[in-house]
C-alpha atoms as a PDB file:
ATOM      1  CA  MET A   1      -0.345  -0.075   0.413  1.00  0.00           C
ATOM      2  CA  TRP A   2       2.730   2.396   0.600  1.00  0.00           C
ATOM      3  CA  ARG A   3       4.347   2.109  -2.961  1.00  0.00           C
ATOM      4  CA  ARG A   4       1.087   3.106  -4.443  1.00  0.00           C
ATOM      5  CA  VAL A   5       0.755   6.386  -2.042  1.00  0.00           C
ATOM      6  CA  LEU A   6       4.099   7.001  -2.984  1.00  0.00           C
ATOM      7  CA  ALA A   7       3.959   6.229  -6.451  1.00  0.00           C
ATOM      8  CA  TRP A   8       1.291   8.572  -6.397  1.00  0.00           C
ATOM      9  CA  LEU A   9       2.674  11.357  -4.906  1.00  0.00           C
ATOM     10  CA  GLY A  10       5.599  11.111  -7.366  1.00  0.00           C
ATOM     11  CA  LEU A  11       7.941   9.963  -3.905  1.00  0.00           C
ATOM     12  CA  ASN A  12       9.081   6.808  -5.173  1.00  0.00           C
ATOM     13  CA  PRO A  13      12.414   6.539  -6.903  1.00  0.00           C
ATOM     14  CA  ALA A  14      10.987   5.054 -10.129  1.00  0.00           C
ATOM     15  CA  ALA A  15       8.250   7.629 -10.935  1.00  0.00           C
ATOM     16  CA  ARG A  16      11.376  10.366 -10.087  1.00  0.00           C
ATOM     17  CA  ARG A  17      13.170   8.598 -12.962  1.00  0.00           C
ATOM     18  CA  ALA A  18      10.663   8.509 -15.383  1.00  0.00           C
ATOM     19  CA  ASP A  19      10.070  12.375 -14.532  1.00  0.00           C
ATOM     20  CA  ALA A  20      13.427  12.973 -14.871  1.00  0.00           C
ATOM     21  CA  LEU A  21      13.673  11.134 -18.304  1.00  0.00           C
ATOM     22  CA  ALA A  22      10.317  12.843 -19.079  1.00  0.00           C
ATOM     23  CA  ALA A  23      11.667  15.971 -18.851  1.00  0.00           C
ATOM     24  CA  ARG A  24      15.240  15.526 -20.564  1.00  0.00           C
ATOM     25  CA  ALA A  25      13.031  13.822 -23.884  1.00  0.00           C
ATOM     26  CA  THR A  26      10.840  16.803 -23.376  1.00  0.00           C
ATOM     27  CA  LEU A  27      14.021  19.370 -23.843  1.00  0.00           C
ATOM     28  CA  GLY A  28      15.750  17.223 -26.224  1.00  0.00           C
ATOM     29  CA  ALA A  29      13.324  17.763 -28.491  1.00  0.00           C
ATOM     30  CA  GLU A  30      13.083  21.196 -28.178  1.00  0.00           C
ATOM     31  CA  TRP A  31      16.494  22.162 -28.794  1.00  0.00           C
ATOM     32  CA  GLU A  32      16.447  19.291 -31.808  1.00  0.00           C
ATOM     33  CA  GLN A  33      13.900  21.208 -33.299  1.00  0.00           C
ATOM     34  CA  TYR A  34      16.129  24.375 -32.811  1.00  0.00           C
ATOM     35  CA  THR A  35      18.905  23.138 -34.904  1.00  0.00           C
ATOM     36  CA  ALA A  36      16.566  22.006 -37.460  1.00  0.00           C
ATOM     37  CA  ARG A  37      15.719  26.062 -37.710  1.00  0.00           C
ATOM     38  CA  LEU A  38      19.263  26.572 -37.750  1.00  0.00           C
ATOM     39  CA  LEU A  39      19.183  24.433 -41.119  1.00  0.00           C
ATOM     40  CA  ARG A  40      16.996  25.357 -42.936  1.00  0.00           C
ATOM     41  CA  PRO A  41      18.923  28.052 -44.506  1.00  0.00           C
ATOM     42  CA  LEU A  42      20.688  25.411 -46.676  1.00  0.00           C
ATOM     43  CA  GLU A  43      18.030  23.695 -48.160  1.00  0.00           C
ATOM     44  CA  ALA A  44      18.211  27.063 -50.645  1.00  0.00           C
ATOM     45  CA  GLN A  45      21.730  25.508 -51.100  1.00  0.00           C
ATOM     46  CA  GLY A  46      20.816  22.327 -52.395  1.00  0.00           C
ATOM     47  CA  TRP A  47      20.625  20.338 -49.020  1.00  0.00           C
ATOM     48  CA  HIS A  48      18.042  17.681 -47.924  1.00  0.00           C
ATOM     49  CA  MET A  49      16.846  17.140 -44.618  1.00  0.00           C
ATOM     50  CA  LEU A  50      15.978  14.681 -42.704  1.00  0.00           C
ATOM     51  CA  HIS A  51      14.707  15.066 -39.149  1.00  0.00           C
ATOM     52  CA  ASP A  52      13.891  12.457 -36.560  1.00  0.00           C
ATOM     53  CA  ARG A  53      14.744   9.251 -38.575  1.00  0.00           C
ATOM     54  CA  ARG A  54      14.887   5.648 -37.367  1.00  0.00           C
ATOM     55  CA  LEU A  55      18.584   3.712 -37.548  1.00  0.00           C
ATOM     56  CA  PRO A  56      17.477   0.004 -38.501  1.00  0.00           C
ATOM     57  CA  GLY A  57      19.407  -2.413 -36.249  1.00  0.00           C
ATOM     58  CA  PRO A  58      19.457  -3.670 -32.668  1.00  0.00           C
ATOM     59  CA  GLY A  59      17.854  -1.239 -30.086  1.00  0.00           C
ATOM     60  CA  ARG A  60      15.376   1.895 -30.637  1.00  0.00           C
ATOM     61  CA  ALA A  61      18.443   4.433 -31.820  1.00  0.00           C
ATOM     62  CA  ASN A  62      17.282   7.496 -33.769  1.00  0.00           C
ATOM     63  CA  LEU A  63      19.053   9.866 -35.746  1.00  0.00           C
ATOM     64  CA  ASP A  64      18.079  13.571 -34.670  1.00  0.00           C
ATOM     65  CA  HIS A  65      19.269  15.112 -38.044  1.00  0.00           C
ATOM     66  CA  VAL A  66      20.344  13.433 -41.622  1.00  0.00           C
ATOM     67  CA  LEU A  67      21.380  15.806 -44.255  1.00  0.00           C
ATOM     68  CA  VAL A  68      22.312  15.134 -48.177  1.00  0.00           C
ATOM     69  CA  SER A  69      24.884  17.466 -49.482  1.00  0.00           C
ATOM     70  CA  PRO A  70      23.536  19.096 -52.480  1.00  0.00           C
ATOM     71  CA  CYS A  71      26.450  17.235 -54.583  1.00  0.00           C
ATOM     72  CA  GLY A  72      24.356  13.463 -53.498  1.00  0.00           C
ATOM     73  CA  THR A  73      27.620  12.390 -52.753  1.00  0.00           C
ATOM     74  CA  ALA A  74      27.239  12.921 -49.117  1.00  0.00           C
ATOM     75  CA  VAL A  75      25.360  12.060 -45.600  1.00  0.00           C
ATOM     76  CA  VAL A  76      25.572  14.144 -42.150  1.00  0.00           C
ATOM     77  CA  VAL A  77      24.826  12.097 -39.411  1.00  0.00           C
ATOM     78  CA  LEU A  78      23.859  15.262 -37.092  1.00  0.00           C
ATOM     79  CA  ASP A  79      23.435  14.574 -32.908  1.00  0.00           C
ATOM     80  CA  THR A  80      22.123  17.733 -31.017  1.00  0.00           C
ATOM     81  CA  LYS A  81      23.052  18.113 -27.709  1.00  0.00           C
ATOM     82  CA  ARG A  82      22.656  20.481 -24.730  1.00  0.00           C
ATOM     83  CA  TRP A  83      25.391  20.765 -22.202  1.00  0.00           C
ATOM     84  CA  HIS A  84      25.823  22.896 -19.499  1.00  0.00           C
ATOM     85  CA  ALA A  85      26.029  26.762 -20.299  1.00  0.00           C
ATOM     86  CA  ALA A  86      28.482  27.412 -17.672  1.00  0.00           C
ATOM     87  CA  ARG A  87      31.333  24.870 -18.684  1.00  0.00           C
ATOM     88  CA  THR A  88      33.024  25.366 -22.085  1.00  0.00           C
ATOM     89  CA  THR A  89      33.434  22.190 -24.524  1.00  0.00           C
ATOM     90  CA  ALA A  90      36.588  21.216 -25.263  1.00  0.00           C
ATOM     91  CA  LEU A  91      39.068  18.367 -25.867  1.00  0.00           C
ATOM     92  CA  VAL A  92      41.079  17.006 -22.971  1.00  0.00           C
ATOM     93  CA  GLY A  93      43.485  13.913 -24.070  1.00  0.00           C
ATOM     94  CA  GLY A  94      41.752  13.326 -26.449  1.00  0.00           C
ATOM     95  CA  ARG A  95      38.375  13.136 -24.990  1.00  0.00           C
ATOM     96  CA  VAL A  96      35.665  15.328 -25.520  1.00  0.00           C
ATOM     97  CA  CYS A  97      35.124  17.102 -22.111  1.00  0.00           C
ATOM     98  CA  CYS A  98      31.938  19.594 -21.231  1.00  0.00           C
ATOM     99  CA  GLY A  99      33.835  20.965 -17.805  1.00  0.00           C
ATOM    100  CA  VAL A 100      35.004  18.430 -16.203  1.00  0.00           C
ATOM    101  CA  GLU A 101      32.330  15.911 -17.556  1.00  0.00           C
ATOM    102  CA  ASP A 102      33.530  13.801 -19.942  1.00  0.00           C
ATOM    103  CA  ARG A 103      31.185  13.618 -22.649  1.00  0.00           C
ATOM    104  CA  HIS A 104      33.500  11.440 -25.171  1.00  0.00           C
ATOM    105  CA  GLY A 105      30.780   8.737 -25.368  1.00  0.00           C
ATOM    106  CA  GLN A 106      28.662  10.826 -27.518  1.00  0.00           C
ATOM    107  CA  VAL A 107      31.765  11.554 -29.875  1.00  0.00           C
ATOM    108  CA  GLU A 108      31.690   7.272 -29.660  1.00  0.00           C
ATOM    109  CA  ALA A 109      27.845   7.353 -30.333  1.00  0.00           C
ATOM    110  CA  VAL A 110      27.789   9.430 -32.831  1.00  0.00           C
ATOM    111  CA  ALA A 111      30.550   7.674 -34.784  1.00  0.00           C
ATOM    112  CA  GLN A 112      28.436   4.503 -34.548  1.00  0.00           C
ATOM    113  CA  TYR A 113      25.269   6.096 -35.778  1.00  0.00           C
ATOM    114  CA  ALA A 114      27.276   7.137 -38.855  1.00  0.00           C
ATOM    115  CA  ALA A 115      29.019   3.480 -39.174  1.00  0.00           C
ATOM    116  CA  ARG A 116      25.440   1.920 -38.903  1.00  0.00           C
ATOM    117  CA  ALA A 117      23.719   4.400 -41.039  1.00  0.00           C
ATOM    118  CA  ALA A 118      26.840   4.027 -44.121  1.00  0.00           C
ATOM    119  CA  HIS A 119      26.181  -0.336 -43.477  1.00  0.00           C
ATOM    120  CA  ALA A 120      22.112   0.306 -43.453  1.00  0.00           C
ATOM    121  CA  LEU A 121      22.800   3.193 -46.690  1.00  0.00           C
ATOM    122  CA  GLY A 122      25.134   0.926 -48.573  1.00  0.00           C
ATOM    123  CA  LEU A 123      27.734   3.725 -48.775  1.00  0.00           C
ATOM    124  CA  PRO A 124      31.605   3.733 -47.865  1.00  0.00           C
ATOM    125  CA  GLU A 125      32.492   5.333 -44.416  1.00  0.00           C
ATOM    126  CA  SER A 126      34.408   8.253 -45.796  1.00  0.00           C
ATOM    127  CA  ALA A 127      30.969   9.239 -47.403  1.00  0.00           C
ATOM    128  CA  VAL A 128      29.039   9.636 -43.683  1.00  0.00           C
ATOM    129  CA  TRP A 129      30.299  12.273 -41.946  1.00  0.00           C
ATOM    130  CA  PRO A 130      29.167  12.112 -37.973  1.00  0.00           C
ATOM    131  CA  LEU A 131      28.685  15.493 -36.194  1.00  0.00           C
ATOM    132  CA  LEU A 132      27.803  16.618 -32.838  1.00  0.00           C
ATOM    133  CA  VAL A 133      26.074  20.078 -32.878  1.00  0.00           C
ATOM    134  CA  VAL A 134      26.582  21.793 -28.680  1.00  0.00           C
ATOM    135  CA  HIS A 135      23.973  23.972 -27.632  1.00  0.00           C
ATOM    136  CA  GLY A 136      24.501  26.295 -24.361  1.00  0.00           C
ATOM    137  CA  SER A 137      28.391  24.945 -23.605  1.00  0.00           C
ATOM    138  CA  PRO A 138      30.495  27.352 -25.495  1.00  0.00           C
ATOM    139  CA  VAL A 139      32.830  25.188 -27.505  1.00  0.00           C
ATOM    140  CA  ALA A 140      36.450  25.891 -27.694  1.00  0.00           C
ATOM    141  CA  GLY A 141      37.295  27.753 -31.534  1.00  0.00           C
ATOM    142  CA  GLY A 142      33.998  27.047 -32.382  1.00  0.00           C
ATOM    143  CA  ARG A 143      34.627  23.545 -33.247  1.00  0.00           C
ATOM    144  CA  LEU A 144      36.693  20.385 -32.590  1.00  0.00           C
ATOM    145  CA  GLU A 145      37.900  17.356 -34.065  1.00  0.00           C
ATOM    146  CA  ALA A 146      37.354  14.591 -32.040  1.00  0.00           C
ATOM    147  CA  ARG A 147      38.154  10.687 -32.634  1.00  0.00           C
ATOM    148  CA  ALA A 148      36.152   8.184 -32.167  1.00  0.00           C
ATOM    149  CA  ALA A 149      37.229   4.239 -31.577  1.00  0.00           C
ATOM    150  CA  GLY A 150      36.853   1.990 -34.940  1.00  0.00           C
ATOM    151  CA  TRP A 151      36.249   5.406 -36.988  1.00  0.00           C
ATOM    152  CA  ASP A 152      38.828   6.257 -39.508  1.00  0.00           C
ATOM    153  CA  GLY A 153      37.562   9.878 -40.211  1.00  0.00           C
ATOM    154  CA  PRO A 154      36.865  13.074 -37.509  1.00  0.00           C
ATOM    155  CA  VAL A 155      33.694  13.618 -35.777  1.00  0.00           C
ATOM    156  CA  TRP A 156      33.126  17.077 -35.508  1.00  0.00           C
ATOM    157  CA  VAL A 157      31.918  18.916 -32.395  1.00  0.00           C
ATOM    158  CA  LEU A 158      30.397  22.217 -33.170  1.00  0.00           C
ATOM    159  CA  GLY A 159      28.934  25.070 -31.654  1.00  0.00           C
ATOM    160  CA  PRO A 160      25.483  26.482 -33.359  1.00  0.00           C
ATOM    161  CA  GLY A 161      27.139  29.633 -34.864  1.00  0.00           C
ATOM    162  CA  LEU A 162      29.669  27.512 -36.658  1.00  0.00           C
ATOM    163  CA  LEU A 163      26.639  24.569 -38.289  1.00  0.00           C
ATOM    164  CA  VAL A 164      25.640  26.634 -40.734  1.00  0.00           C
ATOM    165  CA  PRO A 165      28.461  27.970 -41.992  1.00  0.00           C
ATOM    166  CA  VAL A 166      30.915  24.633 -41.699  1.00  0.00           C
ATOM    167  CA  LEU A 167      28.128  22.826 -43.892  1.00  0.00           C
ATOM    168  CA  ALA A 168      27.819  25.509 -46.491  1.00  0.00           C
ATOM    169  CA  GLY A 169      31.450  25.357 -47.302  1.00  0.00           C
ATOM    170  CA  SER A 170      31.728  21.511 -47.960  1.00  0.00           C
ATOM    171  CA  PRO A 171      31.258  20.070 -50.324  1.00  0.00           C
ATOM    172  CA  ASP A 172      31.834  21.891 -53.684  1.00  0.00           C
ATOM    173  CA  GLY A 173      29.238  21.340 -56.270  1.00  0.00           C
ATOM    174  CA  ARG A 174      25.700  20.608 -56.756  1.00  0.00           C
ATOM    175  CA  ASP A 175      24.287  17.661 -58.788  1.00  0.00           C
ATOM    176  CA  PRO A 176      20.302  18.166 -57.574  1.00  0.00           C
ATOM    177  CA  ALA A 177      19.075  15.083 -59.202  1.00  0.00           C
ATOM    178  CA  ARG A 178      22.258  12.719 -57.521  1.00  0.00           C
ATOM    179  CA  ALA A 179      21.109  14.575 -54.144  1.00  0.00           C
ATOM    180  CA  ALA A 180      17.456  13.733 -54.859  1.00  0.00           C
ATOM    181  CA  MET A 181      17.791  10.335 -55.359  1.00  0.00           C
ATOM    182  CA  LEU A 182      20.276  10.008 -52.390  1.00  0.00           C
ATOM    183  CA  SER A 183      17.792  11.588 -49.917  1.00  0.00           C
ATOM    184  CA  ALA A 184      15.077   9.368 -50.956  1.00  0.00           C
ATOM    185  CA  TRP A 185      16.722   6.597 -50.617  1.00  0.00           C
ATOM    186  CA  VAL A 186      17.653   8.105 -47.271  1.00  0.00           C
ATOM    187  CA  ALA A 187      14.376   8.733 -46.107  1.00  0.00           C
ATOM    188  CA  ARG A 188      13.373   5.144 -47.337  1.00  0.00           C
ATOM    189  CA  VAL A 189      16.174   3.129 -45.182  1.00  0.00           C
ATOM    190  CA  LEU A 190      15.731   5.593 -42.411  1.00  0.00           C
ATOM    191  CA  PRO A 191      12.302   5.770 -41.573  1.00  0.00           C
ATOM    192  CA  PRO A 192      10.735   8.438 -39.791  1.00  0.00           C
ATOM    193  CA  TYR A 193      11.113   7.488 -35.638  1.00  0.00           C
END
């Protein structure tokens, strides 16, 4: 009976954990929407954007944002994070940290998502770029080039101010038909979450 009373009052540990998880999910969705708004100007340059996509395979992984380049040869797997505003995000001993908190697990996760997306799409890993955008916490120098185990290339960690300029600056060239075909393939293989 006490468990029921405590649950009804929201005082049991399971209820507190569930409330905290729900609050984090709501906050995460708000920042993902903010990132989506930041990315909109890239559509005029030929970028294709898909948001909140399901990643095939084990688990319930979702991709916050998947972008197809204007040339139709590259896919960006973009994860949105909101970290502590009073702490700088920097590389410390090769690991991404927000202040004293090690956040390199997020770098490893987005690299794994990129590898899984490349496999699912039938693309070479070099055609898929893992990227983190960090809101709140200032990113040292605006951007970091991190490394993840099992991933050959860099994982970019960007502040929101550099997100659009970095993406707009690469890759060169436009092939609207190829970009549209790749975007349609991505939409089919990575359905809405």
